[in-house]
């Protein structure tokens, strides 16, 4: 087999097999036999199949886009986790080195120096 079947193709083939079994059609039935059972010509059968084909192509496009969005989402989640880890590290470093207290002291001393100059 040259090409592997897509998940959608496998699902269609399984559904077709179920329909054949339910309707009592032979396993090796061809397009002419299927159309004969339906009471239509082969040409009409292919027309019906052609009408359903664009929907399948649209579905494939949607599945491709969904896969791309999932991949992008995974990348963004990883970036978010990295940034969150960095931020937690910074907060911890500020806490360990008492940076908030030092900034508060500098702010108070800067205000008092301004008042003295006046």
PDB file of N, CA and C in Angstrom:
ATOM      1  N   UNK A   1       0.839  -1.170   0.000  1.00  0.00           N
ATOM      2  CA  UNK A   1       0.000   0.000   0.000  1.00  0.00           C
ATOM      3  C   UNK A   1       0.889   1.240   0.000  1.00  0.00           C
ATOM      4  N   UNK A   2       0.715   2.129  -0.958  1.00  0.00           N
ATOM      5  CA  UNK A   2       1.583   3.279  -1.115  1.00  0.00           C
ATOM      6  C   UNK A   2       1.300   4.351  -0.059  1.00  0.00           C
ATOM      7  N   UNK A   3       0.039   4.668   0.142  1.00  0.00           N
ATOM      8  CA  UNK A   3      -0.326   5.711   1.102  1.00  0.00           C
ATOM      9  C   UNK A   3      -1.022   5.106   2.307  1.00  0.00           C
ATOM     10  N   UNK A   4      -0.754   5.667   3.463  1.00  0.00           N
ATOM     11  CA  UNK A   4      -1.464   5.232   4.655  1.00  0.00           C
ATOM     12  C   UNK A   4      -2.819   5.910   4.689  1.00  0.00           C
ATOM     13  N   UNK A   5      -3.769   5.262   5.310  1.00  0.00           N
ATOM     14  CA  UNK A   5      -5.102   5.819   5.426  1.00  0.00           C
ATOM     15  C   UNK A   5      -5.136   6.827   6.573  1.00  0.00           C
ATOM     16  N   UNK A   6      -5.885   7.917   6.341  1.00  0.00           N
ATOM     17  CA  UNK A   6      -6.073   8.906   7.401  1.00  0.00           C
ATOM     18  C   UNK A   6      -7.134   8.386   8.365  1.00  0.00           C
ATOM     19  N   UNK A   7      -7.203   8.932   9.554  1.00  0.00           N
ATOM     20  CA  UNK A   7      -8.244   8.510  10.493  1.00  0.00           C
ATOM     21  C   UNK A   7      -9.657   8.689   9.925  1.00  0.00           C
ATOM     22  N   UNK A   8      -9.854   9.756   9.167  1.00  0.00           N
ATOM     23  CA  UNK A   8     -11.169   9.998   8.564  1.00  0.00           C
ATOM     24  C   UNK A   8     -11.509   8.914   7.543  1.00  0.00           C
ATOM     25  N   UNK A   9     -10.509   8.518   6.742  1.00  0.00           N
ATOM     26  CA  UNK A   9     -10.742   7.471   5.743  1.00  0.00           C
ATOM     27  C   UNK A   9     -11.057   6.135   6.403  1.00  0.00           C
ATOM     28  N   UNK A  10     -10.356   5.833   7.473  1.00  0.00           N
ATOM     29  CA  UNK A  10     -10.620   4.592   8.193  1.00  0.00           C
ATOM     30  C   UNK A  10     -12.047   4.602   8.730  1.00  0.00           C
ATOM     31  N   UNK A  11     -12.460   5.723   9.307  1.00  0.00           N
ATOM     32  CA  UNK A  11     -13.817   5.834   9.848  1.00  0.00           C
ATOM     33  C   UNK A  11     -14.864   5.659   8.744  1.00  0.00           C
ATOM     34  N   UNK A  12     -14.612   6.232   7.570  1.00  0.00           N
ATOM     35  CA  UNK A  12     -15.548   6.113   6.450  1.00  0.00           C
ATOM     36  C   UNK A  12     -15.642   4.665   5.989  1.00  0.00           C
ATOM     37  N   UNK A  13     -14.499   3.986   5.885  1.00  0.00           N
ATOM     38  CA  UNK A  13     -14.505   2.592   5.448  1.00  0.00           C
ATOM     39  C   UNK A  13     -15.218   1.684   6.449  1.00  0.00           C
ATOM     40  N   UNK A  14     -15.008   1.929   7.719  1.00  0.00           N
ATOM     41  CA  UNK A  14     -15.697   1.133   8.738  1.00  0.00           C
ATOM     42  C   UNK A  14     -17.195   1.373   8.676  1.00  0.00           C
ATOM     43  N   UNK A  15     -17.578   2.635   8.504  1.00  0.00           N
ATOM     44  CA  UNK A  15     -19.005   2.960   8.390  1.00  0.00           C
ATOM     45  C   UNK A  15     -19.601   2.296   7.149  1.00  0.00           C
ATOM     46  N   UNK A  16     -18.860   2.297   6.051  1.00  0.00           N
ATOM     47  CA  UNK A  16     -19.333   1.655   4.821  1.00  0.00           C
ATOM     48  C   UNK A  16     -19.520   0.153   5.030  1.00  0.00           C
ATOM     49  N   UNK A  17     -18.585  -0.476   5.738  1.00  0.00           N
ATOM     50  CA  UNK A  17     -18.695  -1.915   6.010  1.00  0.00           C
ATOM     51  C   UNK A  17     -19.933  -2.196   6.866  1.00  0.00           C
ATOM     52  N   UNK A  18     -20.183  -1.339   7.852  1.00  0.00           N
ATOM     53  CA  UNK A  18     -21.365  -1.523   8.701  1.00  0.00           C
ATOM     54  C   UNK A  18     -22.648  -1.404   7.879  1.00  0.00           C
ATOM     55  N   UNK A  19     -22.676  -0.441   6.967  1.00  0.00           N
ATOM     56  CA  UNK A  19     -23.865  -0.250   6.121  1.00  0.00           C
ATOM     57  C   UNK A  19     -24.066  -1.473   5.225  1.00  0.00           C
ATOM     58  N   UNK A  20     -22.974  -1.987   4.645  1.00  0.00           N
ATOM     59  CA  UNK A  20     -23.074  -3.182   3.792  1.00  0.00           C
ATOM     60  C   UNK A  20     -23.632  -4.362   4.585  1.00  0.00           C
ATOM     61  N   UNK A  21     -23.140  -4.549   5.799  1.00  0.00           N
ATOM     62  CA  UNK A  21     -23.619  -5.654   6.627  1.00  0.00           C
ATOM     63  C   UNK A  21     -25.095  -5.480   6.989  1.00  0.00           C
ATOM     64  N   UNK A  22     -25.485  -4.256   7.341  1.00  0.00           N
ATOM     65  CA  UNK A  22     -26.871  -4.004   7.742  1.00  0.00           C
ATOM     66  C   UNK A  22     -27.835  -4.198   6.583  1.00  0.00           C
ATOM     67  N   UNK A  23     -27.433  -3.777   5.396  1.00  0.00           N
ATOM     68  CA  UNK A  23     -28.300  -3.865   4.216  1.00  0.00           C
ATOM     69  C   UNK A  23     -28.206  -5.223   3.524  1.00  0.00           C
ATOM     70  N   UNK A  24     -27.320  -6.082   4.003  1.00  0.00           N
ATOM     71  CA  UNK A  24     -27.184  -7.411   3.414  1.00  0.00           C
ATOM     72  C   UNK A  24     -26.470  -7.417   2.073  1.00  0.00           C
ATOM     73  N   UNK A  25     -25.596  -6.469   1.847  1.00  0.00           N
ATOM     74  CA  UNK A  25     -24.842  -6.394   0.595  1.00  0.00           C
ATOM     75  C   UNK A  25     -23.589  -7.265   0.703  1.00  0.00           C
ATOM     76  N   UNK A  26     -23.139  -7.844  -0.410  1.00  0.00           N
ATOM     77  CA  UNK A  26     -21.920  -8.661  -0.367  1.00  0.00           C
ATOM     78  C   UNK A  26     -20.695  -7.795  -0.065  1.00  0.00           C
ATOM     79  N   UNK A  27     -19.650  -8.419   0.514  1.00  0.00           N
ATOM     80  CA  UNK A  27     -18.444  -7.686   0.913  1.00  0.00           C
ATOM     81  C   UNK A  27     -17.693  -7.098  -0.282  1.00  0.00           C
ATOM     82  N   UNK A  28     -17.741  -7.768  -1.425  1.00  0.00           N
ATOM     83  CA  UNK A  28     -16.958  -7.311  -2.576  1.00  0.00           C
ATOM     84  C   UNK A  28     -17.812  -6.538  -3.584  1.00  0.00           C
ATOM     85  N   UNK A  29     -18.835  -5.860  -3.135  1.00  0.00           N
ATOM     86  CA  UNK A  29     -19.730  -5.130  -4.037  1.00  0.00           C
ATOM     87  C   UNK A  29     -19.001  -3.923  -4.628  1.00  0.00           C
ATOM     88  N   UNK A  30     -19.275  -3.641  -5.885  1.00  0.00           N
ATOM     89  CA  UNK A  30     -18.640  -2.505  -6.546  1.00  0.00           C
ATOM     90  C   UNK A  30     -19.640  -1.340  -6.656  1.00  0.00           C
ATOM     91  N   UNK A  31     -19.191  -0.242  -7.273  1.00  0.00           N
ATOM     92  CA  UNK A  31     -20.010   0.967  -7.377  1.00  0.00           C
ATOM     93  C   UNK A  31     -21.297   0.680  -8.148  1.00  0.00           C
ATOM     94  N   UNK A  32     -21.211  -0.094  -9.222  1.00  0.00           N
ATOM     95  CA  UNK A  32     -22.400  -0.419 -10.017  1.00  0.00           C
ATOM     96  C   UNK A  32     -23.420  -1.177  -9.166  1.00  0.00           C
ATOM     97  N   UNK A  33     -22.933  -2.121  -8.370  1.00  0.00           N
ATOM     98  CA  UNK A  33     -23.835  -2.893  -7.511  1.00  0.00           C
ATOM     99  C   UNK A  33     -24.487  -2.032  -6.445  1.00  0.00           C
ATOM    100  N   UNK A  34     -23.707  -1.136  -5.853  1.00  0.00           N
ATOM    101  CA  UNK A  34     -24.254  -0.235  -4.828  1.00  0.00           C
ATOM    102  C   UNK A  34     -25.335   0.656  -5.419  1.00  0.00           C
ATOM    103  N   UNK A  35     -25.046   1.237  -6.589  1.00  0.00           N
ATOM    104  CA  UNK A  35     -26.025   2.120  -7.232  1.00  0.00           C
ATOM    105  C   UNK A  35     -27.271   1.334  -7.662  1.00  0.00           C
ATOM    106  N   UNK A  36     -27.062   0.104  -8.109  1.00  0.00           N
ATOM    107  CA  UNK A  36     -28.207  -0.740  -8.489  1.00  0.00           C
ATOM    108  C   UNK A  36     -29.109  -1.017  -7.298  1.00  0.00           C
ATOM    109  N   UNK A  37     -28.503  -1.304  -6.123  1.00  0.00           N
ATOM    110  CA  UNK A  37     -29.283  -1.532  -4.902  1.00  0.00           C
ATOM    111  C   UNK A  37     -30.073  -0.287  -4.514  1.00  0.00           C
ATOM    112  N   UNK A  38     -29.506   0.890  -4.770  1.00  0.00           N
ATOM    113  CA  UNK A  38     -30.170   2.148  -4.424  1.00  0.00           C
ATOM    114  C   UNK A  38     -31.193   2.552  -5.477  1.00  0.00           C
ATOM    115  N   UNK A  39     -31.163   1.893  -6.646  1.00  0.00           N
ATOM    116  CA  UNK A  39     -32.107   2.226  -7.711  1.00  0.00           C
ATOM    117  C   UNK A  39     -31.724   3.480  -8.478  1.00  0.00           C
ATOM    118  N   UNK A  40     -30.423   3.754  -8.544  1.00  0.00           N
ATOM    119  CA  UNK A  40     -29.946   4.929  -9.276  1.00  0.00           C
ATOM    120  C   UNK A  40     -28.854   4.496 -10.250  1.00  0.00           C
ATOM    121  N   UNK A  41     -28.526   5.408 -11.179  1.00  0.00           N
ATOM    122  CA  UNK A  41     -27.456   5.097 -12.118  1.00  0.00           C
ATOM    123  C   UNK A  41     -26.094   5.370 -11.469  1.00  0.00           C
ATOM    124  N   UNK A  42     -25.042   4.832 -12.091  1.00  0.00           N
ATOM    125  CA  UNK A  42     -23.691   5.090 -11.590  1.00  0.00           C
ATOM    126  C   UNK A  42     -23.375   6.572 -11.620  1.00  0.00           C
ATOM    127  N   UNK A  43     -23.820   7.227 -12.698  1.00  0.00           N
ATOM    128  CA  UNK A  43     -23.569   8.661 -12.839  1.00  0.00           C
ATOM    129  C   UNK A  43     -24.178   9.420 -11.661  1.00  0.00           C
ATOM    130  N   UNK A  44     -25.413   9.095 -11.320  1.00  0.00           N
ATOM    131  CA  UNK A  44     -26.073   9.749 -10.185  1.00  0.00           C
ATOM    132  C   UNK A  44     -25.333   9.433  -8.885  1.00  0.00           C
ATOM    133  N   UNK A  45     -24.875   8.201  -8.739  1.00  0.00           N
ATOM    134  CA  UNK A  45     -24.117   7.819  -7.549  1.00  0.00           C
ATOM    135  C   UNK A  45     -22.859   8.645  -7.392  1.00  0.00           C
ATOM    136  N   UNK A  46     -22.125   8.821  -8.485  1.00  0.00           N
ATOM    137  CA  UNK A  46     -20.915   9.640  -8.421  1.00  0.00           C
ATOM    138  C   UNK A  46     -21.246  11.114  -8.161  1.00  0.00           C
ATOM    139  N   UNK A  47     -22.386  11.579  -8.678  1.00  0.00           N
ATOM    140  CA  UNK A  47     -22.810  12.960  -8.401  1.00  0.00           C
ATOM    141  C   UNK A  47     -23.081  13.133  -6.900  1.00  0.00           C
ATOM    142  N   UNK A  48     -23.773  12.153  -6.316  1.00  0.00           N
ATOM    143  CA  UNK A  48     -24.050  12.220  -4.881  1.00  0.00           C
ATOM    144  C   UNK A  48     -22.740  12.213  -4.085  1.00  0.00           C
ATOM    145  N   UNK A  49     -21.829  11.361  -4.485  1.00  0.00           N
ATOM    146  CA  UNK A  49     -20.538  11.284  -3.794  1.00  0.00           C
ATOM    147  C   UNK A  49     -19.775  12.601  -3.932  1.00  0.00           C
ATOM    148  N   UNK A  50     -19.874  13.222  -5.112  1.00  0.00           N
ATOM    149  CA  UNK A  50     -19.204  14.499  -5.343  1.00  0.00           C
ATOM    150  C   UNK A  50     -19.760  15.611  -4.477  1.00  0.00           C
ATOM    151  N   UNK A  51     -21.059  15.554  -4.188  1.00  0.00           N
ATOM    152  CA  UNK A  51     -21.660  16.574  -3.330  1.00  0.00           C
ATOM    153  C   UNK A  51     -21.161  16.455  -1.897  1.00  0.00           C
ATOM    154  N   UNK A  52     -20.882  15.245  -1.459  1.00  0.00           N
ATOM    155  CA  UNK A  52     -20.403  15.041  -0.095  1.00  0.00           C
ATOM    156  C   UNK A  52     -18.908  15.294   0.041  1.00  0.00           C
ATOM    157  N   UNK A  53     -18.162  15.220  -1.038  1.00  0.00           N
ATOM    158  CA  UNK A  53     -16.712  15.361  -0.995  1.00  0.00           C
ATOM    159  C   UNK A  53     -16.246  16.729  -0.504  1.00  0.00           C
ATOM    160  N   UNK A  54     -16.847  17.862  -0.947  1.00  0.00           N
ATOM    161  CA  UNK A  54     -16.376  19.156  -0.434  1.00  0.00           C
ATOM    162  C   UNK A  54     -16.483  19.264   1.087  1.00  0.00           C
ATOM    163  N   UNK A  55     -17.514  18.669   1.663  1.00  0.00           N
ATOM    164  CA  UNK A  55     -17.649  18.711   3.119  1.00  0.00           C
ATOM    165  C   UNK A  55     -16.485  17.980   3.773  1.00  0.00           C
ATOM    166  N   UNK A  56     -16.046  16.896   3.178  1.00  0.00           N
ATOM    167  CA  UNK A  56     -14.920  16.145   3.710  1.00  0.00           C
ATOM    168  C   UNK A  56     -13.645  16.975   3.623  1.00  0.00           C
ATOM    169  N   UNK A  57     -13.446  17.695   2.520  1.00  0.00           N
ATOM    170  CA  UNK A  57     -12.257  18.534   2.371  1.00  0.00           C
ATOM    171  C   UNK A  57     -12.264  19.662   3.393  1.00  0.00           C
ATOM    172  N   UNK A  58     -13.449  20.252   3.640  1.00  0.00           N
ATOM    173  CA  UNK A  58     -13.553  21.307   4.646  1.00  0.00           C
ATOM    174  C   UNK A  58     -13.207  20.747   6.023  1.00  0.00           C
ATOM    175  N   UNK A  59     -13.678  19.549   6.295  1.00  0.00           N
ATOM    176  CA  UNK A  59     -13.404  18.919   7.581  1.00  0.00           C
ATOM    177  C   UNK A  59     -11.915  18.679   7.753  1.00  0.00           C
ATOM    178  N   UNK A  60     -11.240  18.247   6.703  1.00  0.00           N
ATOM    179  CA  UNK A  60      -9.800  18.031   6.781  1.00  0.00           C
ATOM    180  C   UNK A  60      -9.085  19.337   7.107  1.00  0.00           C
ATOM    181  N   UNK A  61      -9.534  20.436   6.467  1.00  0.00           N
ATOM    182  CA  UNK A  61      -8.936  21.743   6.748  1.00  0.00           C
ATOM    183  C   UNK A  61      -9.141  22.156   8.194  1.00  0.00           C
ATOM    184  N   UNK A  62     -10.322  21.899   8.707  1.00  0.00           N
ATOM    185  CA  UNK A  62     -10.627  22.242  10.090  1.00  0.00           C
ATOM    186  C   UNK A  62      -9.769  21.411  11.036  1.00  0.00           C
ATOM    187  N   UNK A  63      -9.606  20.117  10.724  1.00  0.00           N
ATOM    188  CA  UNK A  63      -8.775  19.257  11.563  1.00  0.00           C
ATOM    189  C   UNK A  63      -7.324  19.720  11.551  1.00  0.00           C
ATOM    190  N   UNK A  64      -6.836  20.128  10.383  1.00  0.00           N
ATOM    191  CA  UNK A  64      -5.459  20.629  10.278  1.00  0.00           C
ATOM    192  C   UNK A  64      -5.294  21.895  11.129  1.00  0.00           C
ATOM    193  N   UNK A  65      -6.266  22.808  11.002  1.00  0.00           N
ATOM    194  CA  UNK A  65      -6.208  24.055  11.757  1.00  0.00           C
ATOM    195  C   UNK A  65      -6.294  23.782  13.264  1.00  0.00           C
ATOM    196  N   UNK A  66      -7.142  22.839  13.647  1.00  0.00           N
ATOM    197  CA  UNK A  66      -7.263  22.474  15.053  1.00  0.00           C
ATOM    198  C   UNK A  66      -5.940  21.937  15.587  1.00  0.00           C
ATOM    199  N   UNK A  67      -5.269  21.112  14.803  1.00  0.00           N
ATOM    200  CA  UNK A  67      -3.975  20.559  15.218  1.00  0.00           C
ATOM    201  C   UNK A  67      -2.949  21.676  15.388  1.00  0.00           C
ATOM    202  N   UNK A  68      -2.941  22.640  14.461  1.00  0.00           N
ATOM    203  CA  UNK A  68      -2.012  23.764  14.564  1.00  0.00           C
ATOM    204  C   UNK A  68      -2.298  24.582  15.819  1.00  0.00           C
ATOM    205  N   UNK A  69      -3.583  24.812  16.098  1.00  0.00           N
ATOM    206  CA  UNK A  69      -3.949  25.576  17.285  1.00  0.00           C
ATOM    207  C   UNK A  69      -3.552  24.841  18.565  1.00  0.00           C
ATOM    208  N   UNK A  70      -3.696  23.529  18.568  1.00  0.00           N
ATOM    209  CA  UNK A  70      -3.292  22.757  19.740  1.00  0.00           C
ATOM    210  C   UNK A  70      -1.789  22.857  19.962  1.00  0.00           C
ATOM    211  N   UNK A  71      -1.013  22.777  18.876  1.00  0.00           N
ATOM    212  CA  UNK A  71       0.440  22.886  18.985  1.00  0.00           C
ATOM    213  C   UNK A  71       0.835  24.269  19.503  1.00  0.00           C
ATOM    214  N   UNK A  72       0.183  25.309  18.967  1.00  0.00           N
ATOM    215  CA  UNK A  72       0.469  26.667  19.408  1.00  0.00           C
ATOM    216  C   UNK A  72       0.084  26.837  20.885  1.00  0.00           C
ATOM    217  N   UNK A  73      -1.039  26.255  21.275  1.00  0.00           N
ATOM    218  CA  UNK A  73      -1.479  26.323  22.665  1.00  0.00           C
ATOM    219  C   UNK A  73      -0.458  25.671  23.595  1.00  0.00           C
ATOM    220  N   UNK A  74       0.062  24.524  23.183  1.00  0.00           N
ATOM    221  CA  UNK A  74       1.072  23.846  23.995  1.00  0.00           C
ATOM    222  C   UNK A  74       2.330  24.704  24.151  1.00  0.00           C
ATOM    223  N   UNK A  75       2.737  25.359  23.055  1.00  0.00           N
ATOM    224  CA  UNK A  75       3.911  26.233  23.118  1.00  0.00           C
ATOM    225  C   UNK A  75       3.660  27.399  24.072  1.00  0.00           C
ATOM    226  N   UNK A  76       2.460  27.996  23.972  1.00  0.00           N
ATOM    227  CA  UNK A  76       2.137  29.128  24.834  1.00  0.00           C
ATOM    228  C   UNK A  76       2.054  28.710  26.304  1.00  0.00           C
ATOM    229  N   UNK A  77       1.529  27.519  26.568  1.00  0.00           N
ATOM    230  CA  UNK A  77       1.493  27.022  27.940  1.00  0.00           C
ATOM    231  C   UNK A  77       2.900  26.865  28.491  1.00  0.00           C
ATOM    232  N   UNK A  78       3.807  26.358  27.664  1.00  0.00           N
ATOM    233  CA  UNK A  78       5.192  26.189  28.100  1.00  0.00           C
ATOM    234  C   UNK A  78       5.841  27.543  28.384  1.00  0.00           C
ATOM    235  N   UNK A  79       5.600  28.517  27.502  1.00  0.00           N
ATOM    236  CA  UNK A  79       6.143  29.856  27.727  1.00  0.00           C
ATOM    237  C   UNK A  79       5.578  30.468  29.003  1.00  0.00           C
ATOM    238  N   UNK A  80       4.286  30.288  29.219  1.00  0.00           N
ATOM    239  CA  UNK A  80       3.649  30.809  30.429  1.00  0.00           C
ATOM    240  C   UNK A  80       4.273  30.185  31.671  1.00  0.00           C
ATOM    241  N   UNK A  81       4.467  28.874  31.630  1.00  0.00           N
ATOM    242  CA  UNK A  81       5.081  28.192  32.774  1.00  0.00           C
ATOM    243  C   UNK A  81       6.492  28.716  33.032  1.00  0.00           C
ATOM    244  N   UNK A  82       7.247  28.964  31.954  1.00  0.00           N
ATOM    245  CA  UNK A  82       8.604  29.488  32.107  1.00  0.00           C
ATOM    246  C   UNK A  82       8.592  30.872  32.746  1.00  0.00           C
ATOM    247  N   UNK A  83       7.705  31.740  32.259  1.00  0.00           N
ATOM    248  CA  UNK A  83       7.626  33.104  32.780  1.00  0.00           C
ATOM    249  C   UNK A  83       7.157  33.084  34.238  1.00  0.00           C
ATOM    250  N   UNK A  84       6.178  32.240  34.538  1.00  0.00           N
ATOM    251  CA  UNK A  84       5.683  32.149  35.911  1.00  0.00           C
ATOM    252  C   UNK A  84       6.812  31.679  36.845  1.00  0.00           C
ATOM    253  N   UNK A  85       7.604  30.714  36.391  1.00  0.00           N
ATOM    254  CA  UNK A  85       8.722  30.222  37.195  1.00  0.00           C
ATOM    255  C   UNK A  85       9.723  31.345  37.463  1.00  0.00           C
ATOM    256  N   UNK A  86      10.035  32.132  36.422  1.00  0.00           N
ATOM    257  CA  UNK A  86      10.965  33.242  36.584  1.00  0.00           C
ATOM    258  C   UNK A  86      10.416  34.273  37.569  1.00  0.00           C
ATOM    259  N   UNK A  87       9.129  34.589  37.443  1.00  0.00           N
ATOM    260  CA  UNK A  87       8.522  35.579  38.336  1.00  0.00           C
ATOM    261  C   UNK A  87       8.527  35.107  39.792  1.00  0.00           C
ATOM    262  N   UNK A  88       8.237  33.838  40.008  1.00  0.00           N
ATOM    263  CA  UNK A  88       8.267  33.306  41.360  1.00  0.00           C
ATOM    264  C   UNK A  88       9.680  33.369  41.924  1.00  0.00           C
ATOM    265  N   UNK A  89      10.678  33.107  41.066  1.00  0.00           N
ATOM    266  CA  UNK A  89      12.077  33.214  41.492  1.00  0.00           C
ATOM    267  C   UNK A  89      12.437  34.634  41.876  1.00  0.00           C
ATOM    268  N   UNK A  90      11.977  35.593  41.093  1.00  0.00           N
ATOM    269  CA  UNK A  90      12.258  37.000  41.406  1.00  0.00           C
ATOM    270  C   UNK A  90      11.601  37.409  42.722  1.00  0.00           C
ATOM    271  N   UNK A  91      10.361  37.005  42.910  1.00  0.00           N
ATOM    272  CA  UNK A  91       9.660  37.340  44.157  1.00  0.00           C
ATOM    273  C   UNK A  91      10.386  36.750  45.360  1.00  0.00           C
ATOM    274  N   UNK A  92      10.825  35.522  45.204  1.00  0.00           N
ATOM    275  CA  UNK A  92      11.549  34.871  46.285  1.00  0.00           C
ATOM    276  C   UNK A  92      12.867  35.598  46.572  1.00  0.00           C
ATOM    277  N   UNK A  93      13.577  35.990  45.519  1.00  0.00           N
ATOM    278  CA  UNK A  93      14.840  36.717  45.697  1.00  0.00           C
ATOM    279  C   UNK A  93      14.597  38.054  46.396  1.00  0.00           C
ATOM    280  N   UNK A  94      13.538  38.772  46.027  1.00  0.00           N
ATOM    281  CA  UNK A  94      13.207  40.050  46.672  1.00  0.00           C
ATOM    282  C   UNK A  94      12.922  39.823  48.151  1.00  0.00           C
ATOM    283  N   UNK A  95      12.199  38.737  48.431  1.00  0.00           N
ATOM    284  CA  UNK A  95      11.847  38.442  49.820  1.00  0.00           C
ATOM    285  C   UNK A  95      13.105  38.090  50.623  1.00  0.00           C
ATOM    286  N   UNK A  96      13.971  37.271  50.047  1.00  0.00           N
ATOM    287  CA  UNK A  96      15.192  36.849  50.748  1.00  0.00           C
ATOM    288  C   UNK A  96      16.098  38.046  51.037  1.00  0.00           C
ATOM    289  N   UNK A  97      16.217  38.936  50.068  1.00  0.00           N
ATOM    290  CA  UNK A  97      17.137  40.071  50.206  1.00  0.00           C
ATOM    291  C   UNK A  97      16.456  41.319  50.772  1.00  0.00           C
ATOM    292  N   UNK A  98      15.205  41.192  51.185  1.00  0.00           N
ATOM    293  CA  UNK A  98      14.466  42.288  51.825  1.00  0.00           C
ATOM    294  C   UNK A  98      14.426  43.540  50.953  1.00  0.00           C
ATOM    295  N   UNK A  99      14.235  43.357  49.680  1.00  0.00           N
ATOM    296  CA  UNK A  99      14.241  44.480  48.738  1.00  0.00           C
ATOM    297  C   UNK A  99      13.074  45.421  49.014  1.00  0.00           C
ATOM    298  N   UNK A 100      11.893  44.900  49.337  1.00  0.00           N
ATOM    299  CA  UNK A 100      10.737  45.754  49.610  1.00  0.00           C
ATOM    300  C   UNK A 100      11.013  46.693  50.787  1.00  0.00           C
ATOM    301  N   UNK A 101      11.643  46.146  51.824  1.00  0.00           N
ATOM    302  CA  UNK A 101      11.963  46.964  52.994  1.00  0.00           C
ATOM    303  C   UNK A 101      12.986  48.045  52.633  1.00  0.00           C
ATOM    304  N   UNK A 102      13.995  47.679  51.837  1.00  0.00           N
ATOM    305  CA  UNK A 102      15.015  48.659  51.431  1.00  0.00           C
ATOM    306  C   UNK A 102      14.397  49.775  50.600  1.00  0.00           C
ATOM    307  N   UNK A 103      13.507  49.417  49.690  1.00  0.00           N
ATOM    308  CA  UNK A 103      12.851  50.436  48.866  1.00  0.00           C
ATOM    309  C   UNK A 103      11.974  51.345  49.721  1.00  0.00           C
ATOM    310  N   UNK A 104      11.282  50.769  50.687  1.00  0.00           N
ATOM    311  CA  UNK A 104      10.442  51.577  51.571  1.00  0.00           C
ATOM    312  C   UNK A 104      11.299  52.548  52.377  1.00  0.00           C
ATOM    313  N   UNK A 105      12.448  52.088  52.878  1.00  0.00           N
ATOM    314  CA  UNK A 105      13.350  52.959  53.628  1.00  0.00           C
ATOM    315  C   UNK A 105      13.877  54.095  52.756  1.00  0.00           C
ATOM    316  N   UNK A 106      14.253  53.773  51.520  1.00  0.00           N
ATOM    317  CA  UNK A 106      14.766  54.811  50.610  1.00  0.00           C
ATOM    318  C   UNK A 106      13.688  55.833  50.303  1.00  0.00           C
ATOM    319  N   UNK A 107      12.465  55.380  50.155  1.00  0.00           N
ATOM    320  CA  UNK A 107      11.356  56.278  49.858  1.00  0.00           C
ATOM    321  C   UNK A 107      11.132  57.245  51.023  1.00  0.00           C
ATOM    322  N   UNK A 108      11.177  56.719  52.222  1.00  0.00           N
ATOM    323  CA  UNK A 108      10.982  57.551  53.409  1.00  0.00           C
ATOM    324  C   UNK A 108      12.124  58.554  53.535  1.00  0.00           C
ATOM    325  N   UNK A 109      13.362  58.094  53.318  1.00  0.00           N
ATOM    326  CA  UNK A 109      14.511  58.999  53.447  1.00  0.00           C
ATOM    327  C   UNK A 109      14.520  60.043  52.336  1.00  0.00           C
ATOM    328  N   UNK A 110      14.041  59.698  51.154  1.00  0.00           N
ATOM    329  CA  UNK A 110      13.993  60.661  50.057  1.00  0.00           C
ATOM    330  C   UNK A 110      12.971  61.749  50.358  1.00  0.00           C
ATOM    331  N   UNK A 111      11.851  61.389  50.963  1.00  0.00           N
ATOM    332  CA  UNK A 111      10.834  62.385  51.327  1.00  0.00           C
ATOM    333  C   UNK A 111      11.366  63.339  52.388  1.00  0.00           C
ATOM    334  N   UNK A 112      12.070  62.801  53.347  1.00  0.00           N
ATOM    335  CA  UNK A 112      12.579  63.650  54.427  1.00  0.00           C
ATOM    336  C   UNK A 112      13.648  64.608  53.908  1.00  0.00           C
ATOM    337  N   UNK A 113      14.453  64.191  52.946  1.00  0.00           N
ATOM    338  CA  UNK A 113      15.469  65.066  52.370  1.00  0.00           C
ATOM    339  C   UNK A 113      14.836  66.203  51.593  1.00  0.00           C
ATOM    340  N   UNK A 114      13.723  65.935  50.900  1.00  0.00           N
ATOM    341  CA  UNK A 114      13.032  66.981  50.153  1.00  0.00           C
ATOM    342  C   UNK A 114      12.469  68.024  51.104  1.00  0.00           C
ATOM    343  N   UNK A 115      11.952  67.596  52.219  1.00  0.00           N
ATOM    344  CA  UNK A 115      11.372  68.519  53.177  1.00  0.00           C
ATOM    345  C   UNK A 115      12.456  69.431  53.779  1.00  0.00           C
ATOM    346  N   UNK A 116      13.622  68.928  54.000  1.00  0.00           N
ATOM    347  CA  UNK A 116      14.719  69.708  54.579  1.00  0.00           C
ATOM    348  C   UNK A 116      15.174  70.819  53.649  1.00  0.00           C
ATOM    349  N   UNK A 117      15.146  70.562  52.350  1.00  0.00           N
ATOM    350  CA  UNK A 117      15.643  71.550  51.390  1.00  0.00           C
ATOM    351  C   UNK A 117      14.732  72.775  51.351  1.00  0.00           C
ATOM    352  N   UNK A 118      13.527  72.661  51.617  1.00  0.00           N
ATOM    353  CA  UNK A 118      12.575  73.791  51.504  1.00  0.00           C
ATOM    354  C   UNK A 118      12.822  74.795  52.534  1.00  0.00           C
TER     355      UNK A 118
END
